[in-house]
Amino acid sequence: MGKDIVADTERIKEFGSALSRIHKEFTKAANPADGYGVKDLGSQSVIDKFGEFSSNWKIHRERLTDELEKLAKIATEAGKSYQEIDSSLANALRGEDAKHKKSGKGKK
């Protein structure tokens, strides 16, 4: 105990924003071969494998996007909360300092 807590609130909020962007990209990404044909990929077998991958990926992607969304919200709210707490504490300390200076009880 007794150690100072240090939180880079801007960095935490940036992390939340980055996770939100990743979440958005994951919700768009389906089959990486969408829009490509045999002429582009070389064979129907490759297209079929991408289709299989896409079906499996969809299940895992949905779980992952749910978790990314939750984590993004947590990080964003944590950054905001830390910043609000820090501002409130700083204002309270400034108020106490001002009272002590007026009363002459401040450090000399």
PDB file of N, CA and C in Angstrom:
ATOM      1  N   MET A   1       0.825  -1.180   0.000  1.00  0.00           N
ATOM      2  CA  MET A   1       0.000   0.000   0.000  1.00  0.00           C
ATOM      3  C   MET A   1       0.869   1.243   0.000  1.00  0.00           C
ATOM      4  N   GLY A   2       0.275   2.385  -0.151  1.00  0.00           N
ATOM      5  CA  GLY A   2       1.008   3.629  -0.094  1.00  0.00           C
ATOM      6  C   GLY A   2       1.657   4.017  -1.410  1.00  0.00           C
ATOM      7  N   LYS A   3       1.530   3.191  -2.428  1.00  0.00           N
ATOM      8  CA  LYS A   3       2.109   3.532  -3.723  1.00  0.00           C
ATOM      9  C   LYS A   3       1.118   4.375  -4.517  1.00  0.00           C
ATOM     10  N   ASP A   4       1.663   5.281  -5.312  1.00  0.00           N
ATOM     11  CA  ASP A   4       0.809   6.116  -6.150  1.00  0.00           C
ATOM     12  C   ASP A   4       0.238   5.299  -7.294  1.00  0.00           C
ATOM     13  N   ILE A   5      -0.997   5.587  -7.622  1.00  0.00           N
ATOM     14  CA  ILE A   5      -1.635   4.948  -8.764  1.00  0.00           C
ATOM     15  C   ILE A   5      -1.464   5.892  -9.947  1.00  0.00           C
ATOM     16  N   VAL A   6      -0.948   5.363 -11.032  1.00  0.00           N
ATOM     17  CA  VAL A   6      -0.750   6.166 -12.229  1.00  0.00           C
ATOM     18  C   VAL A   6      -1.539   5.523 -13.365  1.00  0.00           C
ATOM     19  N   ALA A   7      -2.391   6.308 -14.004  1.00  0.00           N
ATOM     20  CA  ALA A   7      -3.175   5.801 -15.128  1.00  0.00           C
ATOM     21  C   ALA A   7      -3.116   6.829 -16.250  1.00  0.00           C
ATOM     22  N   ASP A   8      -2.702   6.402 -17.414  1.00  0.00           N
ATOM     23  CA  ASP A   8      -2.678   7.271 -18.588  1.00  0.00           C
ATOM     24  C   ASP A   8      -4.079   7.218 -19.193  1.00  0.00           C
ATOM     25  N   THR A   9      -4.921   8.148 -18.763  1.00  0.00           N
ATOM     26  CA  THR A   9      -6.331   8.108 -19.158  1.00  0.00           C
ATOM     27  C   THR A   9      -6.517   8.267 -20.658  1.00  0.00           C
ATOM     28  N   GLU A  10      -5.704   9.093 -21.287  1.00  0.00           N
ATOM     29  CA  GLU A  10      -5.818   9.261 -22.734  1.00  0.00           C
ATOM     30  C   GLU A  10      -5.492   7.950 -23.445  1.00  0.00           C
ATOM     31  N   ARG A  11      -4.469   7.283 -22.965  1.00  0.00           N
ATOM     32  CA  ARG A  11      -4.049   6.012 -23.571  1.00  0.00           C
ATOM     33  C   ARG A  11      -5.142   4.950 -23.391  1.00  0.00           C
ATOM     34  N   ILE A  12      -5.773   4.933 -22.232  1.00  0.00           N
ATOM     35  CA  ILE A  12      -6.849   3.969 -21.985  1.00  0.00           C
ATOM     36  C   ILE A  12      -8.022   4.245 -22.924  1.00  0.00           C
ATOM     37  N   LYS A  13      -8.371   5.516 -23.091  1.00  0.00           N
ATOM     38  CA  LYS A  13      -9.467   5.861 -24.003  1.00  0.00           C
ATOM     39  C   LYS A  13      -9.096   5.546 -25.454  1.00  0.00           C
ATOM     40  N   GLU A  14      -7.828   5.780 -25.834  1.00  0.00           N
ATOM     41  CA  GLU A  14      -7.370   5.420 -27.184  1.00  0.00           C
ATOM     42  C   GLU A  14      -7.488   3.915 -27.400  1.00  0.00           C
ATOM     43  N   PHE A  15      -7.155   3.149 -26.375  1.00  0.00           N
ATOM     44  CA  PHE A  15      -7.265   1.695 -26.442  1.00  0.00           C
ATOM     45  C   PHE A  15      -8.717   1.296 -26.706  1.00  0.00           C
ATOM     46  N   GLY A  16      -9.649   1.934 -26.002  1.00  0.00           N
ATOM     47  CA  GLY A  16     -11.067   1.653 -26.218  1.00  0.00           C
ATOM     48  C   GLY A  16     -11.499   1.981 -27.636  1.00  0.00           C
ATOM     49  N   SER A  17     -11.015   3.103 -28.163  1.00  0.00           N
ATOM     50  CA  SER A  17     -11.348   3.483 -29.543  1.00  0.00           C
ATOM     51  C   SER A  17     -10.756   2.494 -30.541  1.00  0.00           C
ATOM     52  N   ALA A  18      -9.522   2.073 -30.294  1.00  0.00           N
ATOM     53  CA  ALA A  18      -8.877   1.100 -31.187  1.00  0.00           C
ATOM     54  C   ALA A  18      -9.650  -0.215 -31.190  1.00  0.00           C
ATOM     55  N   LEU A  19     -10.084  -0.654 -30.021  1.00  0.00           N
ATOM     56  CA  LEU A  19     -10.874  -1.888 -29.952  1.00  0.00           C
ATOM     57  C   LEU A  19     -12.199  -1.727 -30.686  1.00  0.00           C
ATOM     58  N   SER A  20     -12.783  -0.552 -30.626  1.00  0.00           N
ATOM     59  CA  SER A  20     -14.035  -0.297 -31.355  1.00  0.00           C
ATOM     60  C   SER A  20     -13.809  -0.405 -32.859  1.00  0.00           C
ATOM     61  N   ARG A  21     -12.675   0.128 -33.333  1.00  0.00           N
ATOM     62  CA  ARG A  21     -12.361   0.024 -34.761  1.00  0.00           C
ATOM     63  C   ARG A  21     -12.133  -1.435 -35.167  1.00  0.00           C
ATOM     64  N   ILE A  22     -11.435  -2.183 -34.331  1.00  0.00           N
ATOM     65  CA  ILE A  22     -11.203  -3.601 -34.619  1.00  0.00           C
ATOM     66  C   ILE A  22     -12.540  -4.339 -34.652  1.00  0.00           C
ATOM     67  N   HIS A  23     -13.403  -4.028 -33.692  1.00  0.00           N
ATOM     68  CA  HIS A  23     -14.733  -4.637 -33.646  1.00  0.00           C
ATOM     69  C   HIS A  23     -15.475  -4.381 -34.955  1.00  0.00           C
ATOM     70  N   LYS A  24     -15.426  -3.147 -35.424  1.00  0.00           N
ATOM     71  CA  LYS A  24     -16.119  -2.790 -36.666  1.00  0.00           C
ATOM     72  C   LYS A  24     -15.574  -3.599 -37.848  1.00  0.00           C
ATOM     73  N   GLU A  25     -14.255  -3.736 -37.916  1.00  0.00           N
ATOM     74  CA  GLU A  25     -13.643  -4.505 -38.995  1.00  0.00           C
ATOM     75  C   GLU A  25     -14.032  -5.985 -38.915  1.00  0.00           C
ATOM     76  N   PHE A  26     -14.077  -6.527 -37.719  1.00  0.00           N
ATOM     77  CA  PHE A  26     -14.428  -7.933 -37.562  1.00  0.00           C
ATOM     78  C   PHE A  26     -15.883  -8.182 -37.937  1.00  0.00           C
ATOM     79  N   THR A  27     -16.756  -7.232 -37.699  1.00  0.00           N
ATOM     80  CA  THR A  27     -18.162  -7.437 -38.056  1.00  0.00           C
ATOM     81  C   THR A  27     -18.345  -7.408 -39.572  1.00  0.00           C
ATOM     82  N   LYS A  28     -17.447  -6.745 -40.280  1.00  0.00           N
ATOM     83  CA  LYS A  28     -17.533  -6.695 -41.744  1.00  0.00           C
ATOM     84  C   LYS A  28     -16.885  -7.910 -42.398  1.00  0.00           C
ATOM     85  N   ALA A  29     -15.848  -8.463 -41.789  1.00  0.00           N
ATOM     86  CA  ALA A  29     -15.058  -9.528 -42.417  1.00  0.00           C
ATOM     87  C   ALA A  29     -15.810 -10.854 -42.406  1.00  0.00           C
ATOM     88  N   ALA A  30     -16.110 -11.342 -43.564  1.00  0.00           N
ATOM     89  CA  ALA A  30     -16.791 -12.640 -43.652  1.00  0.00           C
ATOM     90  C   ALA A  30     -15.861 -13.621 -44.353  1.00  0.00           C
ATOM     91  N   ASN A  31     -16.182 -13.982 -45.546  1.00  0.00           N
ATOM     92  CA  ASN A  31     -15.369 -14.909 -46.310  1.00  0.00           C
ATOM     93  C   ASN A  31     -14.297 -14.110 -47.061  1.00  0.00           C
ATOM     94  N   PRO A  32     -13.024 -14.382 -46.796  1.00  0.00           N
ATOM     95  CA  PRO A  32     -11.974 -13.614 -47.471  1.00  0.00           C
ATOM     96  C   PRO A  32     -11.956 -13.808 -48.980  1.00  0.00           C
ATOM     97  N   ALA A  33     -12.641 -14.830 -49.476  1.00  0.00           N
ATOM     98  CA  ALA A  33     -12.672 -15.084 -50.917  1.00  0.00           C
ATOM     99  C   ALA A  33     -13.906 -14.492 -51.589  1.00  0.00           C
ATOM    100  N   ASP A  34     -14.766 -13.829 -50.816  1.00  0.00           N
ATOM    101  CA  ASP A  34     -15.957 -13.225 -51.416  1.00  0.00           C
ATOM    102  C   ASP A  34     -15.556 -12.293 -52.554  1.00  0.00           C
ATOM    103  N   GLY A  35     -16.248 -12.440 -53.662  1.00  0.00           N
ATOM    104  CA  GLY A  35     -15.983 -11.585 -54.803  1.00  0.00           C
ATOM    105  C   GLY A  35     -14.925 -12.147 -55.751  1.00  0.00           C
ATOM    106  N   TYR A  36     -14.306 -13.263 -55.367  1.00  0.00           N
ATOM    107  CA  TYR A  36     -13.284 -13.876 -56.216  1.00  0.00           C
ATOM    108  C   TYR A  36     -13.828 -15.166 -56.815  1.00  0.00           C
ATOM    109  N   GLY A  37     -13.419 -15.445 -58.024  1.00  0.00           N
ATOM    110  CA  GLY A  37     -13.856 -16.662 -58.704  1.00  0.00           C
ATOM    111  C   GLY A  37     -12.675 -17.577 -58.997  1.00  0.00           C
ATOM    112  N   VAL A  38     -12.960 -18.636 -59.754  1.00  0.00           N
ATOM    113  CA  VAL A  38     -11.931 -19.614 -60.123  1.00  0.00           C
ATOM    114  C   VAL A  38     -10.801 -18.915 -60.874  1.00  0.00           C
ATOM    115  N   LYS A  39     -11.147 -17.973 -61.713  1.00  0.00           N
ATOM    116  CA  LYS A  39     -10.138 -17.246 -62.488  1.00  0.00           C
ATOM    117  C   LYS A  39      -9.156 -16.517 -61.554  1.00  0.00           C
ATOM    118  N   ASP A  40      -9.658 -15.984 -60.436  1.00  0.00           N
ATOM    119  CA  ASP A  40      -8.820 -15.239 -59.488  1.00  0.00           C
ATOM    120  C   ASP A  40      -8.020 -16.158 -58.570  1.00  0.00           C
ATOM    121  N   LEU A  41      -8.660 -17.226 -58.080  1.00  0.00           N
ATOM    122  CA  LEU A  41      -8.042 -18.081 -57.058  1.00  0.00           C
ATOM    123  C   LEU A  41      -7.459 -19.380 -57.601  1.00  0.00           C
ATOM    124  N   GLY A  42      -7.718 -19.681 -58.848  1.00  0.00           N
ATOM    125  CA  GLY A  42      -7.059 -20.830 -59.471  1.00  0.00           C
ATOM    126  C   GLY A  42      -7.857 -22.115 -59.539  1.00  0.00           C
ATOM    127  N   SER A  43      -8.717 -22.360 -58.558  1.00  0.00           N
ATOM    128  CA  SER A  43      -9.498 -23.600 -58.616  1.00  0.00           C
ATOM    129  C   SER A  43     -10.731 -23.505 -57.726  1.00  0.00           C
ATOM    130  N   GLN A  44     -11.700 -24.335 -58.080  1.00  0.00           N
ATOM    131  CA  GLN A  44     -12.929 -24.401 -57.285  1.00  0.00           C
ATOM    132  C   GLN A  44     -12.632 -24.956 -55.891  1.00  0.00           C
ATOM    133  N   SER A  45     -11.640 -25.829 -55.806  1.00  0.00           N
ATOM    134  CA  SER A  45     -11.249 -26.415 -54.519  1.00  0.00           C
ATOM    135  C   SER A  45     -10.838 -25.325 -53.522  1.00  0.00           C
ATOM    136  N   VAL A  46     -10.090 -24.349 -53.993  1.00  0.00           N
ATOM    137  CA  VAL A  46      -9.665 -23.242 -53.119  1.00  0.00           C
ATOM    138  C   VAL A  46     -10.887 -22.448 -52.670  1.00  0.00           C
ATOM    139  N   ILE A  47     -11.785 -22.180 -53.592  1.00  0.00           N
ATOM    140  CA  ILE A  47     -13.013 -21.444 -53.254  1.00  0.00           C
ATOM    141  C   ILE A  47     -13.835 -22.225 -52.234  1.00  0.00           C
ATOM    142  N   ASP A  48     -13.939 -23.533 -52.410  1.00  0.00           N
ATOM    143  CA  ASP A  48     -14.679 -24.380 -51.469  1.00  0.00           C
ATOM    144  C   ASP A  48     -14.047 -24.341 -50.070  1.00  0.00           C
ATOM    145  N   LYS A  49     -12.721 -24.400 -50.029  1.00  0.00           N
ATOM    146  CA  LYS A  49     -12.022 -24.352 -48.728  1.00  0.00           C
ATOM    147  C   LYS A  49     -12.276 -23.015 -48.041  1.00  0.00           C
ATOM    148  N   PHE A  50     -12.264 -21.930 -48.809  1.00  0.00           N
ATOM    149  CA  PHE A  50     -12.577 -20.628 -48.219  1.00  0.00           C
ATOM    150  C   PHE A  50     -14.015 -20.605 -47.695  1.00  0.00           C
ATOM    151  N   GLY A  51     -14.928 -21.277 -48.402  1.00  0.00           N
ATOM    152  CA  GLY A  51     -16.315 -21.359 -47.941  1.00  0.00           C
ATOM    153  C   GLY A  51     -16.418 -22.086 -46.615  1.00  0.00           C
ATOM    154  N   GLU A  52     -15.683 -23.209 -46.490  1.00  0.00           N
ATOM    155  CA  GLU A  52     -15.656 -23.954 -45.219  1.00  0.00           C
ATOM    156  C   GLU A  52     -15.071 -23.083 -44.100  1.00  0.00           C
ATOM    157  N   PHE A  53     -13.969 -22.428 -44.436  1.00  0.00           N
ATOM    158  CA  PHE A  53     -13.335 -21.543 -43.458  1.00  0.00           C
ATOM    159  C   PHE A  53     -14.311 -20.454 -43.018  1.00  0.00           C
ATOM    160  N   SER A  54     -15.016 -19.892 -43.987  1.00  0.00           N
ATOM    161  CA  SER A  54     -15.949 -18.804 -43.702  1.00  0.00           C
ATOM    162  C   SER A  54     -17.037 -19.231 -42.726  1.00  0.00           C
ATOM    163  N   SER A  55     -17.574 -20.446 -42.914  1.00  0.00           N
ATOM    164  CA  SER A  55     -18.627 -20.938 -42.014  1.00  0.00           C
ATOM    165  C   SER A  55     -18.106 -21.081 -40.587  1.00  0.00           C
ATOM    166  N   ASN A  56     -16.929 -21.670 -40.439  1.00  0.00           N
ATOM    167  CA  ASN A  56     -16.320 -21.845 -39.122  1.00  0.00           C
ATOM    168  C   ASN A  56     -15.926 -20.487 -38.529  1.00  0.00           C
ATOM    169  N   TRP A  57     -15.358 -19.642 -39.357  1.00  0.00           N
ATOM    170  CA  TRP A  57     -14.909 -18.318 -38.920  1.00  0.00           C
ATOM    171  C   TRP A  57     -16.074 -17.486 -38.417  1.00  0.00           C
ATOM    172  N   LYS A  58     -17.241 -17.620 -39.074  1.00  0.00           N
ATOM    173  CA  LYS A  58     -18.412 -16.833 -38.689  1.00  0.00           C
ATOM    174  C   LYS A  58     -18.773 -17.081 -37.223  1.00  0.00           C
ATOM    175  N   ILE A  59     -18.757 -18.331 -36.804  1.00  0.00           N
ATOM    176  CA  ILE A  59     -19.092 -18.682 -35.418  1.00  0.00           C
ATOM    177  C   ILE A  59     -18.098 -18.043 -34.451  1.00  0.00           C
ATOM    178  N   HIS A  60     -16.814 -18.225 -34.741  1.00  0.00           N
ATOM    179  CA  HIS A  60     -15.783 -17.684 -33.855  1.00  0.00           C
ATOM    180  C   HIS A  60     -15.734 -16.161 -33.919  1.00  0.00           C
ATOM    181  N   ARG A  61     -15.969 -15.610 -35.087  1.00  0.00           N
ATOM    182  CA  ARG A  61     -15.954 -14.154 -35.260  1.00  0.00           C
ATOM    183  C   ARG A  61     -17.060 -13.505 -34.427  1.00  0.00           C
ATOM    184  N   GLU A  62     -18.233 -14.111 -34.390  1.00  0.00           N
ATOM    185  CA  GLU A  62     -19.336 -13.555 -33.609  1.00  0.00           C
ATOM    186  C   GLU A  62     -18.987 -13.510 -32.126  1.00  0.00           C
ATOM    187  N   ARG A  63     -18.385 -14.582 -31.630  1.00  0.00           N
ATOM    188  CA  ARG A  63     -17.964 -14.602 -30.218  1.00  0.00           C
ATOM    189  C   ARG A  63     -16.900 -13.534 -29.966  1.00  0.00           C
ATOM    190  N   LEU A  64     -15.944 -13.477 -30.866  1.00  0.00           N
ATOM    191  CA  LEU A  64     -14.856 -12.527 -30.727  1.00  0.00           C
ATOM    192  C   LEU A  64     -15.358 -11.085 -30.791  1.00  0.00           C
ATOM    193  N   THR A  65     -16.268 -10.801 -31.713  1.00  0.00           N
ATOM    194  CA  THR A  65     -16.776  -9.427 -31.822  1.00  0.00           C
ATOM    195  C   THR A  65     -17.564  -9.032 -30.578  1.00  0.00           C
ATOM    196  N   ASP A  66     -18.285  -9.963 -30.003  1.00  0.00           N
ATOM    197  CA  ASP A  66     -19.005  -9.674 -28.755  1.00  0.00           C
ATOM    198  C   ASP A  66     -18.022  -9.285 -27.655  1.00  0.00           C
ATOM    199  N   GLU A  67     -16.941 -10.046 -27.529  1.00  0.00           N
ATOM    200  CA  GLU A  67     -15.941  -9.766 -26.498  1.00  0.00           C
ATOM    201  C   GLU A  67     -15.194  -8.462 -26.782  1.00  0.00           C
ATOM    202  N   LEU A  68     -14.895  -8.205 -28.045  1.00  0.00           N
ATOM    203  CA  LEU A  68     -14.227  -6.951 -28.409  1.00  0.00           C
ATOM    204  C   LEU A  68     -15.106  -5.754 -28.063  1.00  0.00           C
ATOM    205  N   GLU A  69     -16.381  -5.866 -28.345  1.00  0.00           N
ATOM    206  CA  GLU A  69     -17.310  -4.778 -28.051  1.00  0.00           C
ATOM    207  C   GLU A  69     -17.370  -4.501 -26.546  1.00  0.00           C
ATOM    208  N   LYS A  70     -17.451  -5.567 -25.753  1.00  0.00           N
ATOM    209  CA  LYS A  70     -17.487  -5.407 -24.291  1.00  0.00           C
ATOM    210  C   LYS A  70     -16.208  -4.757 -23.776  1.00  0.00           C
ATOM    211  N   LEU A  71     -15.076  -5.253 -24.252  1.00  0.00           N
ATOM    212  CA  LEU A  71     -13.792  -4.731 -23.796  1.00  0.00           C
ATOM    213  C   LEU A  71     -13.597  -3.275 -24.219  1.00  0.00           C
ATOM    214  N   ALA A  72     -14.039  -2.931 -25.413  1.00  0.00           N
ATOM    215  CA  ALA A  72     -13.938  -1.549 -25.887  1.00  0.00           C
ATOM    216  C   ALA A  72     -14.741  -0.614 -24.982  1.00  0.00           C
ATOM    217  N   LYS A  73     -15.941  -1.029 -24.611  1.00  0.00           N
ATOM    218  CA  LYS A  73     -16.778  -0.206 -23.727  1.00  0.00           C
ATOM    219  C   LYS A  73     -16.139  -0.071 -22.345  1.00  0.00           C
ATOM    220  N   ILE A  74     -15.611  -1.163 -21.832  1.00  0.00           N
ATOM    221  CA  ILE A  74     -14.969  -1.132 -20.511  1.00  0.00           C
ATOM    222  C   ILE A  74     -13.777  -0.185 -20.519  1.00  0.00           C
ATOM    223  N   ALA A  75     -12.929  -0.296 -21.532  1.00  0.00           N
ATOM    224  CA  ALA A  75     -11.729   0.553 -21.604  1.00  0.00           C
ATOM    225  C   ALA A  75     -12.107   2.024 -21.752  1.00  0.00           C
ATOM    226  N   THR A  76     -13.066   2.313 -22.604  1.00  0.00           N
ATOM    227  CA  THR A  76     -13.492   3.698 -22.812  1.00  0.00           C
ATOM    228  C   THR A  76     -14.069   4.285 -21.526  1.00  0.00           C
ATOM    229  N   GLU A  77     -14.939   3.540 -20.870  1.00  0.00           N
ATOM    230  CA  GLU A  77     -15.535   4.018 -19.624  1.00  0.00           C
ATOM    231  C   GLU A  77     -14.504   4.137 -18.505  1.00  0.00           C
ATOM    232  N   ALA A  78     -13.554   3.212 -18.465  1.00  0.00           N
ATOM    233  CA  ALA A  78     -12.496   3.277 -17.449  1.00  0.00           C
ATOM    234  C   ALA A  78     -11.677   4.546 -17.628  1.00  0.00           C
ATOM    235  N   GLY A  79     -11.306   4.857 -18.866  1.00  0.00           N
ATOM    236  CA  GLY A  79     -10.542   6.076 -19.134  1.00  0.00           C
ATOM    237  C   GLY A  79     -11.298   7.314 -18.699  1.00  0.00           C
ATOM    238  N   LYS A  80     -12.585   7.360 -19.025  1.00  0.00           N
ATOM    239  CA  LYS A  80     -13.408   8.506 -18.626  1.00  0.00           C
ATOM    240  C   LYS A  80     -13.515   8.595 -17.104  1.00  0.00           C
ATOM    241  N   SER A  81     -13.743   7.461 -16.463  1.00  0.00           N
ATOM    242  CA  SER A  81     -13.891   7.445 -15.002  1.00  0.00           C
ATOM    243  C   SER A  81     -12.616   7.872 -14.297  1.00  0.00           C
ATOM    244  N   TYR A  82     -11.476   7.341 -14.733  1.00  0.00           N
ATOM    245  CA  TYR A  82     -10.197   7.738 -14.142  1.00  0.00           C
ATOM    246  C   TYR A  82      -9.992   9.247 -14.284  1.00  0.00           C
ATOM    247  N   GLN A  83     -10.337   9.768 -15.461  1.00  0.00           N
ATOM    248  CA  GLN A  83     -10.153  11.196 -15.707  1.00  0.00           C
ATOM    249  C   GLN A  83     -11.070  12.025 -14.803  1.00  0.00           C
ATOM    250  N   GLU A  84     -12.309  11.599 -14.649  1.00  0.00           N
ATOM    251  CA  GLU A  84     -13.253  12.318 -13.783  1.00  0.00           C
ATOM    252  C   GLU A  84     -12.799  12.277 -12.325  1.00  0.00           C
ATOM    253  N   ILE A  85     -12.347  11.112 -11.876  1.00  0.00           N
ATOM    254  CA  ILE A  85     -11.867  10.975 -10.494  1.00  0.00           C
ATOM    255  C   ILE A  85     -10.649  11.856 -10.270  1.00  0.00           C
ATOM    256  N   ASP A  86      -9.716  11.836 -11.219  1.00  0.00           N
ATOM    257  CA  ASP A  86      -8.505  12.646 -11.108  1.00  0.00           C
ATOM    258  C   ASP A  86      -8.852  14.130 -11.036  1.00  0.00           C
ATOM    259  N   SER A  87      -9.777  14.585 -11.881  1.00  0.00           N
ATOM    260  CA  SER A  87     -10.195  15.987 -11.871  1.00  0.00           C
ATOM    261  C   SER A  87     -10.871  16.348 -10.555  1.00  0.00           C
ATOM    262  N   SER A  88     -11.735  15.478 -10.074  1.00  0.00           N
ATOM    263  CA  SER A  88     -12.430  15.735  -8.810  1.00  0.00           C
ATOM    264  C   SER A  88     -11.448  15.826  -7.646  1.00  0.00           C
ATOM    265  N   LEU A  89     -10.508  14.901  -7.599  1.00  0.00           N
ATOM    266  CA  LEU A  89      -9.512  14.933  -6.521  1.00  0.00           C
ATOM    267  C   LEU A  89      -8.642  16.178  -6.610  1.00  0.00           C
ATOM    268  N   ALA A  90      -8.223  16.538  -7.812  1.00  0.00           N
ATOM    269  CA  ALA A  90      -7.393  17.735  -7.991  1.00  0.00           C
ATOM    270  C   ALA A  90      -8.154  18.972  -7.545  1.00  0.00           C
ATOM    271  N   ASN A  91      -9.429  19.072  -7.919  1.00  0.00           N
ATOM    272  CA  ASN A  91     -10.241  20.229  -7.512  1.00  0.00           C
ATOM    273  C   ASN A  91     -10.416  20.278  -5.995  1.00  0.00           C
ATOM    274  N   ALA A  92     -10.620  19.126  -5.379  1.00  0.00           N
ATOM    275  CA  ALA A  92     -10.780  19.077  -3.925  1.00  0.00           C
ATOM    276  C   ALA A  92      -9.489  19.515  -3.235  1.00  0.00           C
ATOM    277  N   LEU A  93      -8.361  19.045  -3.736  1.00  0.00           N
ATOM    278  CA  LEU A  93      -7.076  19.433  -3.141  1.00  0.00           C
ATOM    279  C   LEU A  93      -6.804  20.919  -3.326  1.00  0.00           C
ATOM    280  N   ARG A  94      -7.141  21.450  -4.483  1.00  0.00           N
ATOM    281  CA  ARG A  94      -6.967  22.891  -4.708  1.00  0.00           C
ATOM    282  C   ARG A  94      -7.836  23.690  -3.736  1.00  0.00           C
ATOM    283  N   GLY A  95      -9.052  23.207  -3.526  1.00  0.00           N
ATOM    284  CA  GLY A  95      -9.957  23.881  -2.587  1.00  0.00           C
ATOM    285  C   GLY A  95      -9.398  23.866  -1.168  1.00  0.00           C
ATOM    286  N   GLU A  96      -8.854  22.738  -0.752  1.00  0.00           N
ATOM    287  CA  GLU A  96      -8.255  22.632   0.583  1.00  0.00           C
ATOM    288  C   GLU A  96      -7.026  23.532   0.699  1.00  0.00           C
ATOM    289  N   ASP A  97      -6.210  23.561  -0.334  1.00  0.00           N
ATOM    290  CA  ASP A  97      -5.037  24.440  -0.325  1.00  0.00           C
ATOM    291  C   ASP A  97      -5.454  25.889  -0.184  1.00  0.00           C
ATOM    292  N   ALA A  98      -6.485  26.279  -0.917  1.00  0.00           N
ATOM    293  CA  ALA A  98      -6.959  27.660  -0.854  1.00  0.00           C
ATOM    294  C   ALA A  98      -7.470  27.995   0.542  1.00  0.00           C
ATOM    295  N   LYS A  99      -8.191  27.065   1.185  1.00  0.00           N
ATOM    296  CA  LYS A  99      -8.691  27.296   2.556  1.00  0.00           C
ATOM    297  C   LYS A  99      -7.530  27.493   3.525  1.00  0.00           C
ATOM    298  N   HIS A 100      -6.524  26.640   3.389  1.00  0.00           N
ATOM    299  CA  HIS A 100      -5.376  26.723   4.309  1.00  0.00           C
ATOM    300  C   HIS A 100      -4.591  28.007   4.099  1.00  0.00           C
ATOM    301  N   LYS A 101      -4.459  28.456   2.876  1.00  0.00           N
ATOM    302  CA  LYS A 101      -3.734  29.701   2.611  1.00  0.00           C
ATOM    303  C   LYS A 101      -4.467  30.871   3.205  1.00  0.00           C
ATOM    304  N   LYS A 102      -5.797  30.881   3.102  1.00  0.00           N
ATOM    305  CA  LYS A 102      -6.600  31.973   3.649  1.00  0.00           C
ATOM    306  C   LYS A 102      -6.533  31.999   5.162  1.00  0.00           C
ATOM    307  N   SER A 103      -6.516  30.825   5.762  1.00  0.00           N
ATOM    308  CA  SER A 103      -6.527  30.754   7.232  1.00  0.00           C
ATOM    309  C   SER A 103      -5.123  30.883   7.808  1.00  0.00           C
ATOM    310  N   GLY A 104      -4.122  30.852   6.948  1.00  0.00           N
ATOM    311  CA  GLY A 104      -2.743  30.944   7.428  1.00  0.00           C
ATOM    312  C   GLY A 104      -2.192  29.638   7.959  1.00  0.00           C
ATOM    313  N   LYS A 105      -2.901  28.528   7.690  1.00  0.00           N
ATOM    314  CA  LYS A 105      -2.437  27.217   8.181  1.00  0.00           C
ATOM    315  C   LYS A 105      -1.588  26.475   7.145  1.00  0.00           C
ATOM    316  N   GLY A 106      -1.369  27.085   5.990  1.00  0.00           N
ATOM    317  CA  GLY A 106      -0.579  26.432   4.958  1.00  0.00           C
ATOM    318  C   GLY A 106       0.874  26.318   5.358  1.00  0.00           C
ATOM    319  N   LYS A 107       1.622  25.535   4.600  1.00  0.00           N
ATOM    320  CA  LYS A 107       3.051  25.345   4.884  1.00  0.00           C
ATOM    321  C   LYS A 107       3.799  26.647   4.634  1.00  0.00           C
ATOM    322  N   LYS A 108       4.810  26.884   5.439  1.00  0.00           N
ATOM    323  CA  LYS A 108       5.605  28.099   5.274  1.00  0.00           C
ATOM    324  C   LYS A 108       6.995  27.745   4.853  1.00  0.00           C
TER     325      LYS A 108
END
